[in-house]
Amino acid sequence: MNGFPSKRRSNNNNNKNDTTTNPYETYQLPPPISLHNGSNNSISNKIINRLLNPFDNGDNNDDDDDGNDQSKNFSSSSSSSSSAIQQQRQSSSLHNHNNHLNIKSSSFKSNNQQSLSSSSLLINSYHVASNEMCYFCFDVLYAHLYQKSSPGRPNFANKSYPLFVTWNVGNDRRLRGCIGTFNSIPLHSGLRDYALTSALRDHRFAPITKDEFINLHVSVSVLINFESALDYKDWIIGIHGIRIEFRSDNGTKRTATFLPEVAVEQNWNHSQTIDSLLRKGGFRGQITEQVRKDVRLTRYQSEKITISYQDYYDNFNNNIINN
């Protein structure tokens, strides 16, 4: 059986003159869970950008970000019409975008008394992250789990950014893996590597299995707008992710990060977030105000897209319909 096409499927018709056979027609993705249980839940109801398990949430975004990333690198139902699938995809994309902005808006209003060290612009629209990146991550994991040829070059731009890939499973969105890098790396190779690294090599979890595949959600976070903070409170909850550098009890330099959504989901204030991040990074001593003040903090923002397997399945079939 042939592998994935040399170019990832696209929402446009740039390849109208391509007369090659569409390999997707020979592929049989396993039906999503909604087709097994008869549920007609919409995609937009399935893509919920919030983890429900508070314990896992607190450790949601572990990049093992000590700068040594080399060890982590790996080289809709059948009765739905094409129009209905397009509407579902647009609905899911709008849900992702609005959910992301609504979290930031509410957090900004509750924290607008803060004075930041420099003007930090809110993300009003996405310029980098796209649904296509999530589809590509699903392609990569599918090829690995089902022993298919690796997917070819995707259509989105191959610019370099820091990034994270997160996998969740089930209706309760249990975390199954989240690893990324603060190094700017090409999106094509970066997403290919971290789609597998986060799925298979997150030390907190067993590798994702084929049995879990139809219940997965994948999130791609592209990190942007990095700024050095004046102190540990110089960031806006819900707007910024933070990365801290500190000295452990034995004097070793350590780092740890939370993506922007973690503090909101946990309902933490600045001190609680820093304390949790210190513990996550391995600090075992007493956390005093001086310990917090000694932290070196970098704030950043992210463009985050989340896609369910249902949406991936529908997009996959829609590609066959349109080709």
Foldseek 3Di string as FASTA:
>chain_A
DAFQDQEDFDPDCPCVVPPDDHCLVVDDDDAFPCVVVVHPDAQLVQFDPAFQDLVCLLVQAWAQAPVPCPVLFDQADPPDDLVRLVVSVVSNVVSQLVVLVVLQVVLCVVVVVDDAPDDDDFDPDDDADDVQLQLLLLQLVCCVQVVGDRHHFYDGDFFWFWKKKWKFFDSNRHTQFIHTYRGTGTSRSRSSTRSQSRQPPPVVHHHDHPVGSSGMKMKMKTWADKDWGPFLQNDTQSFKKKKKWAAAPVGDIWIFIDARCSCVNNVHHSVVSLVSRCVSRPHDDDDDPVRRRRITMMIIGIDMRMGHSNSSVSVSVSSVVVD
